[in-house]
Every structure is written in C-alpha cells, then in structure tokens.
PDB file of all heavy atoms in Angstrom:
ATOM      1  N   MET A   1      50.362  33.029  51.394  1.00  0.00           N
ATOM      2  CA  MET A   1      50.206  31.867  52.324  1.00  0.00           C
ATOM      3  C   MET A   1      51.360  31.736  53.159  1.00  0.00           C
ATOM      4  O   MET A   1      51.276  31.511  54.314  1.00  0.00           O
ATOM      5  CB  MET A   1      49.829  30.622  51.519  1.00  0.00           C
ATOM      6  CG  MET A   1      49.603  29.364  52.454  1.00  0.00           C
ATOM      7  SD  MET A   1      51.160  28.526  52.933  1.00  0.00           S
ATOM      8  CE  MET A   1      51.499  27.841  51.349  1.00  0.00           C
ATOM      9  N   LEU A   2      52.552  31.836  52.572  1.00  0.00           N
ATOM     10  CA  LEU A   2      53.815  31.557  53.332  1.00  0.00           C
ATOM     11  C   LEU A   2      54.022  32.575  54.501  1.00  0.00           C
ATOM     12  O   LEU A   2      54.505  32.203  55.555  1.00  0.00           O
ATOM     13  CB  LEU A   2      55.001  31.581  52.390  1.00  0.00           C
ATOM     14  CG  LEU A   2      55.160  30.459  51.414  1.00  0.00           C
ATOM     15  CD1 LEU A   2      56.246  30.679  50.408  1.00  0.00           C
ATOM     16  CD2 LEU A   2      55.223  29.144  52.074  1.00  0.00           C
ATOM     17  N   VAL A   3      53.722  33.860  54.257  1.00  0.00           N
ATOM     18  CA  VAL A   3      53.983  34.865  55.281  1.00  0.00           C
ATOM     19  C   VAL A   3      53.143  34.658  56.522  1.00  0.00           C
ATOM     20  O   VAL A   3      53.621  34.519  57.581  1.00  0.00           O
ATOM     21  CB  VAL A   3      53.720  36.316  54.650  1.00  0.00           C
ATOM     22  CG1 VAL A   3      53.689  37.338  55.755  1.00  0.00           C
ATOM     23  CG2 VAL A   3      54.703  36.704  53.681  1.00  0.00           C
ATOM     24  N   PRO A   4      51.791  34.434  56.395  1.00  0.00           N
ATOM     25  CA  PRO A   4      50.962  34.090  57.607  1.00  0.00           C
ATOM     26  C   PRO A   4      51.366  32.797  58.159  1.00  0.00           C
ATOM     27  O   PRO A   4      51.444  32.629  59.396  1.00  0.00           O
ATOM     28  CB  PRO A   4      49.584  34.035  57.017  1.00  0.00           C
ATOM     29  CG  PRO A   4      49.586  34.871  55.770  1.00  0.00           C
ATOM     30  CD  PRO A   4      50.956  34.590  55.181  1.00  0.00           C
ATOM     31  N   ALA A   5      51.778  31.697  57.359  1.00  0.00           N
ATOM     32  CA  ALA A   5      52.191  30.503  57.966  1.00  0.00           C
ATOM     33  C   ALA A   5      53.374  30.589  58.792  1.00  0.00           C
ATOM     34  O   ALA A   5      53.517  29.931  59.836  1.00  0.00           O
ATOM     35  CB  ALA A   5      52.421  29.447  56.824  1.00  0.00           C
ATOM     36  N   PHE A   6      54.347  31.399  58.319  1.00  0.00           N
ATOM     37  CA  PHE A   6      55.606  31.582  59.046  1.00  0.00           C
ATOM     38  C   PHE A   6      55.276  32.288  60.446  1.00  0.00           C
ATOM     39  O   PHE A   6      55.754  31.990  61.473  1.00  0.00           O
ATOM     40  CB  PHE A   6      56.592  32.450  58.311  1.00  0.00           C
ATOM     41  CG  PHE A   6      57.747  32.844  59.072  1.00  0.00           C
ATOM     42  CD1 PHE A   6      58.840  31.933  59.362  1.00  0.00           C
ATOM     43  CD2 PHE A   6      57.938  34.189  59.470  1.00  0.00           C
ATOM     44  CE1 PHE A   6      59.918  32.275  60.087  1.00  0.00           C
ATOM     45  CE2 PHE A   6      59.071  34.556  60.258  1.00  0.00           C
ATOM     46  CZ  PHE A   6      60.054  33.613  60.512  1.00  0.00           C
ATOM     47  N   ILE A   7      54.398  33.320  60.341  1.00  0.00           N
ATOM     48  CA  ILE A   7      54.086  34.134  61.578  1.00  0.00           C
ATOM     49  C   ILE A   7      53.399  33.178  62.590  1.00  0.00           C
ATOM     50  O   ILE A   7      53.642  33.166  63.744  1.00  0.00           O
ATOM     51  CB  ILE A   7      53.233  35.339  61.263  1.00  0.00           C
ATOM     52  CG1 ILE A   7      53.999  36.322  60.332  1.00  0.00           C
ATOM     53  CG2 ILE A   7      52.710  36.074  62.539  1.00  0.00           C
ATOM     54  CD1 ILE A   7      53.183  37.414  59.850  1.00  0.00           C
ATOM     55  N   ILE A   8      52.410  32.371  62.115  1.00  0.00           N
ATOM     56  CA  ILE A   8      51.680  31.505  62.981  1.00  0.00           C
ATOM     57  C   ILE A   8      52.609  30.377  63.540  1.00  0.00           C
ATOM     58  O   ILE A   8      52.468  30.022  64.705  1.00  0.00           O
ATOM     59  CB  ILE A   8      50.475  30.817  62.345  1.00  0.00           C
ATOM     60  CG1 ILE A   8      49.457  31.931  61.886  1.00  0.00           C
ATOM     61  CG2 ILE A   8      49.775  29.857  63.156  1.00  0.00           C
ATOM     62  CD1 ILE A   8      48.295  31.501  61.047  1.00  0.00           C
ATOM     63  N   SER A   9      53.540  29.941  62.785  1.00  0.00           N
ATOM     64  CA  SER A   9      54.430  28.874  63.153  1.00  0.00           C
ATOM     65  C   SER A   9      55.281  29.256  64.424  1.00  0.00           C
ATOM     66  O   SER A   9      55.711  28.421  65.168  1.00  0.00           O
ATOM     67  CB  SER A   9      55.344  28.410  62.046  1.00  0.00           C
ATOM     68  OG  SER A   9      56.293  29.441  61.782  1.00  0.00           O
ATOM     69  N   LEU A  10      55.572  30.557  64.551  1.00  0.00           N
ATOM     70  CA  LEU A  10      56.401  31.070  65.641  1.00  0.00           C
ATOM     71  C   LEU A  10      55.665  30.794  66.949  1.00  0.00           C
ATOM     72  O   LEU A  10      56.365  30.802  68.026  1.00  0.00           O
ATOM     73  CB  LEU A  10      56.706  32.546  65.498  1.00  0.00           C
ATOM     74  CG  LEU A  10      57.474  32.890  64.198  1.00  0.00           C
ATOM     75  CD1 LEU A  10      57.643  34.447  64.162  1.00  0.00           C
ATOM     76  CD2 LEU A  10      58.859  32.243  64.233  1.00  0.00           C
ATOM     77  N   SER A  11      54.307  30.721  66.989  1.00  0.00           N
ATOM     78  CA  SER A  11      53.645  30.528  68.214  1.00  0.00           C
ATOM     79  C   SER A  11      53.393  29.001  68.576  1.00  0.00           C
ATOM     80  O   SER A  11      52.824  28.704  69.540  1.00  0.00           O
ATOM     81  CB  SER A  11      52.256  31.257  68.163  1.00  0.00           C
ATOM     82  OG  SER A  11      51.453  30.638  67.152  1.00  0.00           O
ATOM     83  N   LEU A  12      53.918  28.210  67.747  1.00  0.00           N
ATOM     84  CA  LEU A  12      53.724  26.760  67.894  1.00  0.00           C
ATOM     85  C   LEU A  12      55.069  26.069  68.253  1.00  0.00           C
ATOM     86  O   LEU A  12      56.041  26.228  67.432  1.00  0.00           O
ATOM     87  CB  LEU A  12      53.103  26.063  66.686  1.00  0.00           C
ATOM     88  CG  LEU A  12      51.722  26.428  66.371  1.00  0.00           C
ATOM     89  CD1 LEU A  12      51.278  25.908  64.967  1.00  0.00           C
ATOM     90  CD2 LEU A  12      50.693  25.974  67.390  1.00  0.00           C
ATOM     91  N   LYS A  13      55.099  25.440  69.388  1.00  0.00           N
ATOM     92  CA  LYS A  13      56.371  24.872  69.856  1.00  0.00           C
ATOM     93  C   LYS A  13      56.095  23.380  70.291  1.00  0.00           C
ATOM     94  O   LYS A  13      54.964  23.066  70.710  1.00  0.00           O
ATOM     95  CB  LYS A  13      57.004  25.595  71.003  1.00  0.00           C
ATOM     96  CG  LYS A  13      57.279  27.060  70.709  1.00  0.00           C
ATOM     97  CD  LYS A  13      58.390  27.289  69.642  1.00  0.00           C
ATOM     98  CE  LYS A  13      58.636  28.746  69.375  1.00  0.00           C
ATOM     99  NZ  LYS A  13      59.561  28.932  68.294  1.00  0.00           N
ATOM    100  N   GLY A  14      57.110  22.486  70.214  1.00  0.00           N
ATOM    101  CA  GLY A  14      57.013  21.159  70.778  1.00  0.00           C
ATOM    102  C   GLY A  14      56.336  20.155  69.934  1.00  0.00           C
ATOM    103  O   GLY A  14      56.184  20.365  68.686  1.00  0.00           O
ATOM    104  N   THR A  15      55.862  19.142  70.625  1.00  0.00           N
ATOM    105  CA  THR A  15      55.223  18.003  69.909  1.00  0.00           C
ATOM    106  C   THR A  15      53.852  17.687  70.509  1.00  0.00           C
ATOM    107  O   THR A  15      53.543  18.122  71.575  1.00  0.00           O
ATOM    108  CB  THR A  15      56.135  16.755  69.946  1.00  0.00           C
ATOM    109  OG1 THR A  15      56.353  16.403  71.341  1.00  0.00           O
ATOM    110  CG2 THR A  15      57.512  17.086  69.380  1.00  0.00           C
ATOM    111  N   MET A  16      53.158  16.719  69.804  1.00  0.00           N
ATOM    112  CA  MET A  16      51.886  16.277  70.261  1.00  0.00           C
ATOM    113  C   MET A  16      51.853  14.803  70.438  1.00  0.00           C
ATOM    114  O   MET A  16      52.699  14.007  69.807  1.00  0.00           O
ATOM    115  CB  MET A  16      50.760  16.608  69.295  1.00  0.00           C
ATOM    116  CG  MET A  16      50.533  18.135  69.085  1.00  0.00           C
ATOM    117  SD  MET A  16      49.252  18.487  67.856  1.00  0.00           S
ATOM    118  CE  MET A  16      50.092  17.802  66.403  1.00  0.00           C
ATOM    119  N   ASP A  17      51.038  14.276  71.280  1.00  0.00           N
ATOM    120  CA  ASP A  17      50.907  12.807  71.450  1.00  0.00           C
ATOM    121  C   ASP A  17      49.889  12.307  70.393  1.00  0.00           C
ATOM    122  O   ASP A  17      48.754  12.592  70.468  1.00  0.00           O
ATOM    123  CB  ASP A  17      50.402  12.534  72.877  1.00  0.00           C
ATOM    124  CG  ASP A  17      50.257  11.006  73.119  1.00  0.00           C
ATOM    125  OD1 ASP A  17      50.824  10.273  72.261  1.00  0.00           O
ATOM    126  OD2 ASP A  17      49.586  10.657  74.099  1.00  0.00           O
ATOM    127  N   ILE A  18      50.468  11.447  69.420  1.00  0.00           N
ATOM    128  CA  ILE A  18      49.582  10.978  68.417  1.00  0.00           C
ATOM    129  C   ILE A  18      49.504   9.482  68.455  1.00  0.00           C
ATOM    130  O   ILE A  18      49.100   8.774  67.536  1.00  0.00           O
ATOM    131  CB  ILE A  18      50.097  11.364  67.000  1.00  0.00           C
ATOM    132  CG1 ILE A  18      51.470  10.820  66.764  1.00  0.00           C
ATOM    133  CG2 ILE A  18      50.070  12.875  66.813  1.00  0.00           C
ATOM    134  CD1 ILE A  18      51.982  11.001  65.350  1.00  0.00           C
ATOM    135  N   SER A  19      49.889   8.857  69.657  1.00  0.00           N
ATOM    136  CA  SER A  19      49.883   7.437  69.832  1.00  0.00           C
ATOM    137  C   SER A  19      48.483   6.818  69.604  1.00  0.00           C
ATOM    138  O   SER A  19      48.298   5.658  69.273  1.00  0.00           O
ATOM    139  CB  SER A  19      50.442   7.071  71.217  1.00  0.00           C
ATOM    140  OG  SER A  19      49.716   7.632  72.219  1.00  0.00           O
ATOM    141  N   GLY A  20      47.527   7.602  69.979  1.00  0.00           N
ATOM    142  CA  GLY A  20      46.101   7.091  69.911  1.00  0.00           C
ATOM    143  C   GLY A  20      45.452   7.187  68.497  1.00  0.00           C
ATOM    144  O   GLY A  20      44.305   6.719  68.417  1.00  0.00           O
ATOM    145  N   ILE A  21      46.144   7.816  67.597  1.00  0.00           N
ATOM    146  CA  ILE A  21      45.625   7.998  66.263  1.00  0.00           C
ATOM    147  C   ILE A  21      45.878   6.801  65.386  1.00  0.00           C
ATOM    148  O   ILE A  21      47.028   6.413  65.166  1.00  0.00           O
ATOM    149  CB  ILE A  21      46.173   9.281  65.648  1.00  0.00           C
ATOM    150  CG1 ILE A  21      45.975  10.521  66.477  1.00  0.00           C
ATOM    151  CG2 ILE A  21      45.621   9.466  64.239  1.00  0.00           C
ATOM    152  CD1 ILE A  21      46.577  11.711  66.010  1.00  0.00           C
ATOM    153  N   ARG A  22      44.857   6.226  64.844  1.00  0.00           N
ATOM    154  CA  ARG A  22      44.993   5.015  63.924  1.00  0.00           C
ATOM    155  C   ARG A  22      44.897   5.469  62.491  1.00  0.00           C
ATOM    156  O   ARG A  22      44.457   6.545  62.174  1.00  0.00           O
ATOM    157  CB  ARG A  22      43.899   4.056  64.262  1.00  0.00           C
ATOM    158  CG  ARG A  22      43.951   3.533  65.691  1.00  0.00           C
ATOM    159  CD  ARG A  22      42.747   2.596  65.974  1.00  0.00           C
ATOM    160  NE  ARG A  22      41.440   3.280  65.752  1.00  0.00           N
ATOM    161  CZ  ARG A  22      40.269   2.695  65.828  1.00  0.00           C
ATOM    162  NH1 ARG A  22      40.168   1.417  65.971  1.00  0.00           N
ATOM    163  NH2 ARG A  22      39.246   3.449  65.655  1.00  0.00           N
ATOM    164  N   GLU A  23      45.374   4.567  61.662  1.00  0.00           N
ATOM    165  CA  GLU A  23      45.229   4.820  60.255  1.00  0.00           C
ATOM    166  C   GLU A  23      43.776   4.921  59.839  1.00  0.00           C
ATOM    167  O   GLU A  23      42.879   4.213  60.435  1.00  0.00           O
ATOM    168  CB  GLU A  23      45.908   3.646  59.434  1.00  0.00           C
ATOM    169  CG  GLU A  23      47.371   3.554  59.571  1.00  0.00           C
ATOM    170  CD  GLU A  23      48.064   4.738  58.950  1.00  0.00           C
ATOM    171  OE1 GLU A  23      47.867   5.033  57.757  1.00  0.00           O
ATOM    172  OE2 GLU A  23      48.832   5.466  59.680  1.00  0.00           O
ATOM    173  N   GLU A  24      43.509   5.819  58.916  1.00  0.00           N
ATOM    174  CA  GLU A  24      42.042   5.990  58.546  1.00  0.00           C
ATOM    175  C   GLU A  24      41.580   4.877  57.574  1.00  0.00           C
ATOM    176  O   GLU A  24      42.230   4.474  56.667  1.00  0.00           O
ATOM    177  CB  GLU A  24      42.010   7.311  57.730  1.00  0.00           C
ATOM    178  CG  GLU A  24      40.621   7.632  57.298  1.00  0.00           C
ATOM    179  CD  GLU A  24      39.696   8.150  58.322  1.00  0.00           C
ATOM    180  OE1 GLU A  24      40.140   8.304  59.487  1.00  0.00           O
ATOM    181  OE2 GLU A  24      38.511   8.348  58.094  1.00  0.00           O
ATOM    182  N   ASN A  25      40.456   4.293  58.049  1.00  0.00           N
ATOM    183  CA  ASN A  25      39.847   3.306  57.175  1.00  0.00           C
ATOM    184  C   ASN A  25      38.424   3.800  56.785  1.00  0.00           C
ATOM    185  O   ASN A  25      37.729   4.383  57.582  1.00  0.00           O
ATOM    186  CB  ASN A  25      39.678   2.033  57.916  1.00  0.00           C
ATOM    187  CG  ASN A  25      41.008   1.334  58.320  1.00  0.00           C
ATOM    188  OD1 ASN A  25      41.830   1.225  57.350  1.00  0.00           O
ATOM    189  ND2 ASN A  25      41.189   0.897  59.550  1.00  0.00           N
ATOM    190  N   THR A  26      38.095   3.605  55.596  1.00  0.00           N
ATOM    191  CA  THR A  26      36.762   4.002  55.109  1.00  0.00           C
ATOM    192  C   THR A  26      35.607   3.217  55.756  1.00  0.00           C
ATOM    193  O   THR A  26      35.791   1.993  55.973  1.00  0.00           O
ATOM    194  CB  THR A  26      36.705   3.922  53.507  1.00  0.00           C
ATOM    195  OG1 THR A  26      35.412   4.432  53.147  1.00  0.00           O
ATOM    196  CG2 THR A  26      36.856   2.537  53.034  1.00  0.00           C
ATOM    197  N   ASP A  27      34.490   3.831  55.813  1.00  0.00           N
ATOM    198  CA  ASP A  27      33.293   3.126  56.282  1.00  0.00           C
ATOM    199  C   ASP A  27      32.609   2.479  55.146  1.00  0.00           C
ATOM    200  O   ASP A  27      31.661   1.701  55.305  1.00  0.00           O
ATOM    201  CB  ASP A  27      32.321   4.186  56.906  1.00  0.00           C
ATOM    202  CG  ASP A  27      32.862   4.641  58.292  1.00  0.00           C
ATOM    203  OD1 ASP A  27      33.417   3.826  59.020  1.00  0.00           O
ATOM    204  OD2 ASP A  27      32.649   5.839  58.545  1.00  0.00           O
ATOM    205  N   ASP A  28      33.075   2.745  53.929  1.00  0.00           N
ATOM    206  CA  ASP A  28      32.486   2.155  52.770  1.00  0.00           C
ATOM    207  C   ASP A  28      33.123   0.840  52.427  1.00  0.00           C
ATOM    208  O   ASP A  28      34.175   0.680  51.905  1.00  0.00           O
ATOM    209  CB  ASP A  28      32.689   3.081  51.599  1.00  0.00           C
ATOM    210  CG  ASP A  28      31.818   2.738  50.393  1.00  0.00           C
ATOM    211  OD1 ASP A  28      31.330   1.594  50.318  1.00  0.00           O
ATOM    212  OD2 ASP A  28      31.734   3.578  49.452  1.00  0.00           O
ATOM    213  N   GLU A  29      32.359  -0.243  52.782  1.00  0.00           N
ATOM    214  CA  GLU A  29      32.858  -1.548  52.634  1.00  0.00           C
ATOM    215  C   GLU A  29      32.594  -2.171  51.231  1.00  0.00           C
ATOM    216  O   GLU A  29      33.043  -3.239  50.914  1.00  0.00           O
ATOM    217  CB  GLU A  29      32.278  -2.491  53.673  1.00  0.00           C
ATOM    218  CG  GLU A  29      32.679  -2.151  55.091  1.00  0.00           C
ATOM    219  CD  GLU A  29      31.910  -2.945  56.163  1.00  0.00           C
ATOM    220  OE1 GLU A  29      30.991  -3.786  55.718  1.00  0.00           O
ATOM    221  OE2 GLU A  29      32.235  -2.882  57.312  1.00  0.00           O
ATOM    222  N   ASP A  30      31.912  -1.373  50.387  1.00  0.00           N
ATOM    223  CA  ASP A  30      31.547  -1.858  49.098  1.00  0.00           C
ATOM    224  C   ASP A  30      32.529  -1.552  47.989  1.00  0.00           C
ATOM    225  O   ASP A  30      32.487  -2.000  46.861  1.00  0.00           O
ATOM    226  CB  ASP A  30      30.143  -1.321  48.665  1.00  0.00           C
ATOM    227  CG  ASP A  30      29.029  -1.865  49.616  1.00  0.00           C
ATOM    228  OD1 ASP A  30      28.753  -3.130  49.547  1.00  0.00           O
ATOM    229  OD2 ASP A  30      28.629  -0.993  50.335  1.00  0.00           O
ATOM    230  N   LEU A  31      33.537  -0.729  48.254  1.00  0.00           N
ATOM    231  CA  LEU A  31      34.533  -0.402  47.363  1.00  0.00           C
ATOM    232  C   LEU A  31      35.922  -0.924  47.808  1.00  0.00           C
ATOM    233  O   LEU A  31      36.199  -0.847  49.013  1.00  0.00           O
ATOM    234  CB  LEU A  31      34.736   1.106  47.159  1.00  0.00           C
ATOM    235  CG  LEU A  31      33.590   1.871  46.444  1.00  0.00           C
ATOM    236  CD1 LEU A  31      33.866   3.382  46.312  1.00  0.00           C
ATOM    237  CD2 LEU A  31      33.346   1.299  45.095  1.00  0.00           C
ATOM    238  N   THR A  32      36.670  -1.457  46.932  1.00  0.00           N
ATOM    239  CA  THR A  32      38.056  -1.910  47.265  1.00  0.00           C
ATOM    240  C   THR A  32      38.951  -0.737  47.286  1.00  0.00           C
ATOM    241  O   THR A  32      38.613   0.365  46.846  1.00  0.00           O
ATOM    242  CB  THR A  32      38.521  -2.940  46.267  1.00  0.00           C
ATOM    243  OG1 THR A  32      38.662  -2.252  44.955  1.00  0.00           O
ATOM    244  CG2 THR A  32      37.578  -4.132  46.103  1.00  0.00           C
ATOM    245  N   ASP A  33      40.138  -0.952  47.887  1.00  0.00           N
ATOM    246  CA  ASP A  33      41.145   0.167  47.911  1.00  0.00           C
ATOM    247  C   ASP A  33      41.494   0.632  46.504  1.00  0.00           C
ATOM    248  O   ASP A  33      41.592   1.804  46.268  1.00  0.00           O
ATOM    249  CB  ASP A  33      42.366  -0.372  48.605  1.00  0.00           C
ATOM    250  CG  ASP A  33      43.430   0.830  48.781  1.00  0.00           C
ATOM    251  OD1 ASP A  33      43.077   1.781  49.503  1.00  0.00           O
ATOM    252  OD2 ASP A  33      44.527   0.700  48.275  1.00  0.00           O
ATOM    253  N   GLY A  34      41.552  -0.294  45.587  1.00  0.00           N
ATOM    254  CA  GLY A  34      41.845   0.047  44.183  1.00  0.00           C
ATOM    255  C   GLY A  34      40.722   0.905  43.548  1.00  0.00           C
ATOM    256  O   GLY A  34      41.038   1.848  42.772  1.00  0.00           O
ATOM    257  N   GLN A  35      39.494   0.548  43.852  1.00  0.00           N
ATOM    258  CA  GLN A  35      38.370   1.280  43.313  1.00  0.00           C
ATOM    259  C   GLN A  35      38.305   2.695  43.889  1.00  0.00           C
ATOM    260  O   GLN A  35      38.034   3.639  43.204  1.00  0.00           O
ATOM    261  CB  GLN A  35      37.089   0.575  43.606  1.00  0.00           C
ATOM    262  CG  GLN A  35      36.923  -0.716  42.861  1.00  0.00           C
ATOM    263  CD  GLN A  35      35.695  -1.501  43.218  1.00  0.00           C
ATOM    264  OE1 GLN A  35      35.276  -1.535  44.310  1.00  0.00           O
ATOM    265  NE2 GLN A  35      35.098  -2.229  42.283  1.00  0.00           N
ATOM    266  N   ARG A  36      38.635   2.834  45.183  1.00  0.00           N
ATOM    267  CA  ARG A  36      38.596   4.202  45.816  1.00  0.00           C
ATOM    268  C   ARG A  36      39.762   5.047  45.170  1.00  0.00           C
ATOM    269  O   ARG A  36      39.494   6.254  44.917  1.00  0.00           O
ATOM    270  CB  ARG A  36      38.845   4.072  47.322  1.00  0.00           C
ATOM    271  CG  ARG A  36      37.661   3.580  48.130  1.00  0.00           C
ATOM    272  CD  ARG A  36      37.817   3.787  49.554  1.00  0.00           C
ATOM    273  NE  ARG A  36      38.904   3.033  50.082  1.00  0.00           N
ATOM    274  CZ  ARG A  36      38.789   1.770  50.508  1.00  0.00           C
ATOM    275  NH1 ARG A  36      37.620   1.209  50.447  1.00  0.00           N
ATOM    276  NH2 ARG A  36      39.880   1.126  51.028  1.00  0.00           N
TER     277      ARG A  36
END
C-alpha cells in the first residue's frame, strides 16, 4: 500500500477549499450519540 501511495502522492500538490464542508450529522434522530 505504501509504495503506490507514495507514487500517487507525487502527483498531488497544494490545498483544497474545505470551508463549505460541515461536520457530519446523522439522519437517524432516534439514536443518541452515545447509542451510535
């Protein structure tokens, strides 16, 4: 896994805009966070 990951990482540079990404909330309102 490490060898391909290193090779692929060489083609990725810079950063991404993640300002629009919110924390994930579940659609299941019947379970509490502790139950999940």
